[in-house]
Amino acid sequence: MKEEIRLTIVARESTWHTDELVREGKNKGVDVEVINIKSLNGLNKLVDSLGDVVFWRSSSLDIPLARSVFLERVAKKRELFNRGIGENPLIPLKFYQQKMINPLKTITGIPTYHFRGKTGLKNAVRQGLLKFPLVMKKNLSARGAGVYKLSSIKEVGDLKIIFKDYVFQNYIKNDGDFRVLVLGGVALGIIKRVKGSDEFRNNISLGGQAVDVRDLPEAADLKNKAVNIASKFGLQFCGVDFIYDQEDKIYRFMEVNTVPQWEGFQGATGINVTEKVIEYVKSLAEGGRND
């Protein structure tokens, strides 16, 4: 009798996404468990208890050192889903992502700045590198959290933040942004996310709407770019976001989401992402067992 495949999802708590993976796992003969990691005590024993494949979503470990130690140990003994995160803890950082994309000739990013304090930010505005309104983002964040629009020098002066935790960009005039979901080197599809009322962020988690744009003339090009970006960062599963700059008339790379949500994407496109993730997990496990 063939041994059942085990998938361990590391997450702080159960969500729609983890619940869907548990449900779909039962349909596909994959035993899915969801656990949180709070410390590295007994690390070897912990890793030995994990499933054939480990899917990182989030944890209560300190970031990035403890997380890196955990993922590095997991990668030595298990199939780590999104191995790139374990190999390079900088990947989720927005500043790092933009700097890695900048040298690419076929992909245009967003000029992104990092400052030690208010003086550096004010000087960048005076020099014309940044202009109001500008966007301030947490360097490590997701689902639109920690993203703010600044409209004046006074607002800069009123900031009470730890500057090293934020990056700054010019606001890109747009009517929505685009998410390509990549799994195993394949672009599953593309959606456009359109902001809700009284909101400048397009995130679905903040009330934005998802629309399937597979017929967009640039869809194939954006999907190819997304696959290349996912490969560059060593990510098997990620959301790659682009925005159309209405002033410069070009698509710009926004960011890679290393822990993508897919409820809105799945609803808009009709693509059963959950099923595809489980099937991919099976291929990883079976490949590992054949090594």
Protein backbone atom coordinates (compact mmCIF):
# COMPACT_ATOMS: atom_id res chain seq x y z
CA MET A 1 0.00 0.00 0.00
CA LYS A 2 1.38 3.39 -1.01
CA GLU A 3 2.30 5.58 1.96
CA GLU A 4 0.17 8.74 2.23
CA ILE A 5 1.93 12.01 1.48
CA ARG A 6 2.14 14.45 4.36
CA LEU A 7 2.12 18.23 3.95
CA THR A 8 3.01 20.50 6.85
CA ILE A 9 1.85 24.09 6.51
CA VAL A 10 3.66 26.48 8.86
CA ALA A 11 1.26 29.29 9.73
CA ARG A 12 0.48 31.42 12.76
CA GLU A 13 -3.19 30.51 12.49
CA SER A 14 -5.69 28.71 10.30
CA THR A 15 -7.12 30.79 7.45
CA TRP A 16 -9.40 30.24 4.45
CA HIS A 17 -6.29 29.23 2.51
CA THR A 18 -5.04 26.63 5.00
CA ASP A 19 -8.58 25.27 5.48
CA GLU A 20 -8.95 24.88 1.70
CA LEU A 21 -5.64 23.02 1.49
CA VAL A 22 -6.70 20.67 4.28
CA ARG A 23 -10.00 19.99 2.49
CA GLU A 24 -8.41 19.48 -0.92
CA GLY A 25 -5.70 17.32 0.60
CA LYS A 26 -8.33 14.87 1.81
CA ASN A 27 -9.68 14.64 -1.74
CA LYS A 28 -6.21 13.97 -3.18
CA GLY A 29 -4.76 11.61 -0.60
CA VAL A 30 -2.53 14.17 1.07
CA ASP A 31 -2.51 14.45 4.86
CA VAL A 32 -2.33 18.20 5.57
CA GLU A 33 -1.49 19.62 8.98
CA VAL A 34 -1.19 23.26 10.05
CA ILE A 35 1.27 24.15 12.79
CA ASN A 36 2.77 27.30 14.25
CA ILE A 37 6.45 27.51 15.18
CA LYS A 38 7.10 29.63 18.24
CA SER A 39 10.69 28.76 19.13
CA LEU A 40 13.69 26.77 17.94
CA ASN A 41 13.87 24.61 21.07
CA GLY A 42 14.22 20.97 20.10
CA LEU A 43 14.73 21.98 16.47
CA ASN A 44 16.05 18.63 15.19
CA LYS A 45 13.18 16.69 16.74
CA LEU A 46 10.70 19.25 15.39
CA VAL A 47 12.03 19.02 11.84
CA ASP A 48 11.98 15.22 11.97
CA SER A 49 8.28 15.36 12.87
CA LEU A 50 7.32 17.44 9.82
CA GLY A 51 5.69 16.13 6.66
CA ASP A 52 7.30 15.16 3.35
CA VAL A 53 6.75 18.72 2.11
CA VAL A 54 6.85 21.88 4.25
CA PHE A 55 4.90 24.89 3.01
CA TRP A 56 5.95 28.12 4.71
CA ARG A 57 3.23 30.76 5.24
CA SER A 58 4.07 32.51 8.52
CA SER A 59 5.12 31.79 12.10
CA SER A 60 5.69 33.33 15.50
CA LEU A 61 9.47 33.09 15.10
CA ASP A 62 11.56 36.22 15.20
CA ILE A 63 12.32 37.52 11.72
CA PRO A 64 14.65 37.08 9.97
CA LEU A 65 17.30 35.17 11.97
CA ALA A 66 15.21 32.46 13.66
CA ARG A 67 13.12 31.96 10.56
CA SER A 68 16.26 31.53 8.44
CA VAL A 69 17.71 28.95 10.84
CA PHE A 70 14.46 27.00 10.83
CA LEU A 71 14.04 27.03 7.05
CA GLU A 72 17.68 26.15 6.44
CA ARG A 73 17.33 23.08 8.67
CA VAL A 74 14.05 22.10 7.03
CA ALA A 75 15.58 22.36 3.55
CA LYS A 76 18.23 19.79 4.49
CA LYS A 77 15.72 17.14 5.53
CA ARG A 78 12.45 17.89 3.75
CA GLU A 79 11.09 19.24 0.49
CA LEU A 80 10.72 22.96 1.25
CA PHE A 81 7.98 24.62 -0.77
CA ASN A 82 9.42 28.02 -1.83
CA ARG A 83 12.99 27.03 -1.15
CA GLY A 84 14.20 30.50 -2.12
CA ILE A 85 12.81 31.98 1.10
CA GLY A 86 14.96 29.60 3.12
CA GLU A 87 18.05 30.32 1.06
CA ASN A 88 17.71 34.11 1.07
CA PRO A 89 15.88 35.89 3.93
CA LEU A 90 16.06 39.19 2.02
CA ILE A 91 13.63 38.07 -0.68
CA PRO A 92 10.44 39.34 1.03
CA LEU A 93 11.90 42.86 1.45
CA LYS A 94 10.50 45.42 -1.00
CA PHE A 95 13.75 47.40 -1.22
CA TYR A 96 15.73 44.27 -2.05
CA GLN A 97 13.19 43.17 -4.67
CA GLN A 98 13.38 46.47 -6.54
CA LYS A 99 17.18 46.52 -6.44
CA MET A 100 17.32 43.00 -7.86
CA ILE A 101 14.94 43.94 -10.69
CA ASN A 102 16.62 47.25 -11.60
CA PRO A 103 19.44 45.73 -13.72
CA LEU A 104 17.00 43.72 -15.88
CA LYS A 105 16.56 45.25 -19.32
CA THR A 106 13.12 43.79 -20.01
CA ILE A 107 11.44 44.74 -16.71
CA THR A 108 10.94 48.26 -15.36
CA GLY A 109 10.65 48.69 -11.62
CA ILE A 110 9.72 51.62 -9.41
CA PRO A 111 12.56 53.85 -8.13
CA THR A 112 12.69 53.00 -4.43
CA TYR A 113 14.50 54.88 -1.66
CA HIS A 114 15.56 54.13 1.88
CA PHE A 115 16.50 56.85 4.41
CA ARG A 116 17.98 57.05 7.87
CA GLY A 117 15.65 59.85 8.91
CA LYS A 118 13.51 62.82 7.93
CA THR A 119 16.46 64.86 6.65
CA GLY A 120 17.29 62.37 3.93
CA LEU A 121 13.65 62.15 2.83
CA LYS A 122 13.25 65.93 2.74
CA ASN A 123 16.46 66.27 0.71
CA ALA A 124 15.19 63.70 -1.80
CA VAL A 125 12.03 65.79 -2.24
CA ARG A 126 14.04 68.99 -2.69
CA GLN A 127 16.25 67.27 -5.29
CA GLY A 128 13.22 66.09 -7.22
CA LEU A 129 13.87 62.39 -6.68
CA LEU A 130 10.54 62.17 -4.91
CA LYS A 131 7.49 64.36 -5.37
CA PHE A 132 4.17 64.63 -3.62
CA PRO A 133 2.08 62.62 -3.29
CA LEU A 134 4.56 59.91 -2.46
CA VAL A 135 4.10 56.46 -1.01
CA MET A 136 5.65 55.16 2.21
CA LYS A 137 5.69 51.36 2.60
CA LYS A 138 6.80 48.99 5.30
CA ASN A 139 9.80 47.19 3.84
CA LEU A 140 8.36 43.91 5.10
CA SER A 141 4.58 43.75 4.84
CA ALA A 142 1.73 42.15 2.93
CA ARG A 143 -1.90 42.70 1.91
CA GLY A 144 -1.47 46.47 1.79
CA ALA A 145 -0.59 46.80 5.46
CA GLY A 146 1.88 49.52 6.36
CA VAL A 147 1.37 51.47 3.11
CA TYR A 148 0.67 55.20 3.37
CA LYS A 149 0.40 58.19 1.06
CA LEU A 150 2.19 61.41 2.05
CA SER A 151 1.04 64.68 0.52
CA SER A 152 3.24 67.41 2.02
CA ILE A 153 6.47 68.31 3.79
CA LYS A 154 4.38 68.90 6.91
CA GLU A 155 3.26 65.26 6.87
CA VAL A 156 6.90 64.24 6.55
CA GLY A 157 7.76 66.41 9.53
CA ASP A 158 5.00 64.80 11.56
CA LEU A 159 6.23 61.26 10.93
CA LYS A 160 7.00 59.20 14.01
CA ILE A 161 8.40 56.03 12.49
CA ILE A 162 11.54 53.91 12.55
CA PHE A 163 12.86 54.92 9.14
CA LYS A 164 14.89 51.77 8.56
CA ASP A 165 11.62 49.83 8.46
CA TYR A 166 10.20 51.81 5.51
CA VAL A 167 10.86 52.50 1.85
CA PHE A 168 9.63 55.46 -0.20
CA GLN A 169 8.41 55.65 -3.80
CA ASN A 170 6.69 58.15 -6.05
CA TYR A 171 2.98 57.54 -6.31
CA ILE A 172 2.12 55.83 -9.60
CA LYS A 173 -1.05 57.18 -11.18
CA ASN A 174 -3.13 54.10 -12.01
CA ASP A 175 -6.61 52.62 -12.31
CA GLY A 176 -5.66 49.31 -10.69
CA ASP A 177 -2.76 46.88 -10.54
CA PHE A 178 -2.15 43.39 -11.88
CA ARG A 179 -1.40 40.12 -10.10
CA VAL A 180 0.09 37.10 -11.86
CA LEU A 181 0.05 33.92 -9.80
CA VAL A 182 3.02 31.63 -10.52
CA LEU A 183 3.21 27.98 -9.47
CA GLY A 184 6.03 25.64 -10.41
CA GLY A 185 7.35 27.87 -13.18
CA VAL A 186 3.91 28.32 -14.77
CA ALA A 187 1.76 31.45 -14.74
CA LEU A 188 -1.68 30.23 -13.68
CA GLY A 189 -3.43 33.42 -14.77
CA ILE A 190 -3.65 37.17 -14.37
CA ILE A 191 -6.13 39.43 -12.60
CA LYS A 192 -6.56 43.15 -12.27
CA ARG A 193 -7.18 44.49 -8.79
CA VAL A 194 -9.23 47.68 -8.62
CA LYS A 195 -9.39 49.72 -5.42
CA GLY A 196 -12.52 50.21 -3.38
CA SER A 197 -13.96 53.60 -2.50
CA ASP A 198 -11.93 55.95 -0.30
CA GLU A 199 -8.81 53.84 -0.75
CA PHE A 200 -5.66 54.32 -2.84
CA ARG A 201 -4.45 50.73 -2.41
CA ASN A 202 -5.81 48.09 -4.76
CA ASN A 203 -5.49 45.10 -2.44
CA ILE A 204 -8.46 42.71 -2.40
CA SER A 205 -8.04 42.36 1.37
CA LEU A 206 -8.76 46.10 1.63
CA GLY A 207 -11.97 46.02 -0.39
CA GLY A 208 -10.51 45.94 -3.89
CA GLN A 209 -12.20 43.96 -6.65
CA ALA A 210 -10.53 41.23 -8.71
CA VAL A 211 -11.21 40.98 -12.43
CA ASP A 212 -9.94 38.28 -14.80
CA VAL A 213 -7.92 40.00 -17.56
CA ARG A 214 -6.68 37.01 -19.52
CA ASP A 215 -7.67 38.86 -22.72
CA LEU A 216 -5.51 41.89 -21.89
CA PRO A 217 -3.21 42.50 -24.90
CA GLU A 218 -0.19 42.56 -22.59
CA ALA A 219 -1.28 39.51 -20.53
CA ALA A 220 1.14 37.07 -22.16
CA ASP A 221 4.07 39.45 -21.74
CA LEU A 222 3.26 40.13 -18.09
CA LYS A 223 2.92 36.41 -17.39
CA ASN A 224 6.29 35.72 -19.00
CA LYS A 225 7.87 38.48 -16.94
CA ALA A 226 6.27 37.07 -13.78
CA VAL A 227 7.67 33.59 -14.44
CA ASN A 228 11.14 35.07 -14.97
CA ILE A 229 10.90 37.08 -11.76
CA ALA A 230 9.74 34.05 -9.76
CA SER A 231 12.69 32.08 -11.13
CA LYS A 232 15.13 34.89 -10.30
CA PHE A 233 14.02 34.80 -6.66
CA GLY A 234 13.87 30.99 -6.49
CA LEU A 235 10.15 30.95 -5.70
CA GLN A 236 7.96 28.01 -6.69
CA PHE A 237 4.77 29.78 -5.64
CA CYS A 238 4.28 33.53 -5.54
CA GLY A 239 2.19 36.47 -6.66
CA VAL A 240 4.00 38.93 -8.93
CA ASP A 241 2.46 42.39 -9.05
CA PHE A 242 2.65 44.98 -11.81
CA ILE A 243 1.12 48.44 -12.17
CA TYR A 244 0.42 50.44 -15.31
CA ASP A 245 1.93 53.89 -15.00
CA GLN A 246 -0.64 56.15 -16.67
CA GLU A 247 1.83 59.04 -16.93
CA ASP A 248 4.81 57.16 -18.40
CA LYS A 249 2.59 54.68 -20.30
CA ILE A 250 4.50 51.59 -19.15
CA TYR A 251 3.96 48.58 -16.90
CA ARG A 252 6.13 48.64 -13.81
CA PHE A 253 7.09 45.81 -11.48
CA MET A 254 5.65 46.49 -8.02
CA GLU A 255 6.63 43.54 -5.83
CA VAL A 256 6.70 39.80 -5.30
CA ASN A 257 4.38 38.39 -2.67
CA THR A 258 6.14 35.34 -1.27
CA VAL A 259 3.07 34.21 0.68
CA PRO A 260 0.26 34.89 -1.79
CA GLN A 261 -3.43 34.69 -1.09
CA TRP A 262 -5.57 33.25 -3.85
CA GLU A 263 -9.21 33.45 -2.74
CA GLY A 264 -9.92 36.52 -4.89
CA PHE A 265 -7.82 35.20 -7.77
CA GLN A 266 -9.61 31.86 -7.71
CA GLY A 267 -13.02 33.51 -7.60
CA ALA A 268 -12.24 35.85 -10.50
CA THR A 269 -10.57 33.34 -12.81
CA GLY A 270 -12.37 30.11 -11.95
CA ILE A 271 -8.95 28.44 -11.65
CA ASN A 272 -8.84 25.96 -8.77
CA VAL A 273 -5.56 27.16 -7.30
CA THR A 274 -5.97 25.03 -4.18
CA GLU A 275 -6.15 21.86 -6.24
CA LYS A 276 -3.11 22.88 -8.28
CA VAL A 277 -1.10 23.58 -5.12
CA ILE A 278 -1.93 20.14 -3.72
CA GLU A 279 -1.04 18.46 -7.02
CA TYR A 280 2.27 20.33 -7.01
CA VAL A 281 2.93 19.24 -3.43
CA LYS A 282 2.38 15.64 -4.54
CA SER A 283 4.92 16.05 -7.34
CA LEU A 284 7.48 17.48 -4.89
CA ALA A 285 6.95 14.66 -2.41
CA GLU A 286 7.09 11.93 -5.03
CA GLY A 287 10.22 13.44 -6.54
CA GLY A 288 11.86 13.54 -3.13
CA ARG A 289 10.96 9.94 -2.40
CA ASN A 290 12.54 8.87 -5.69
CA ASP A 291 15.86 10.58 -4.95
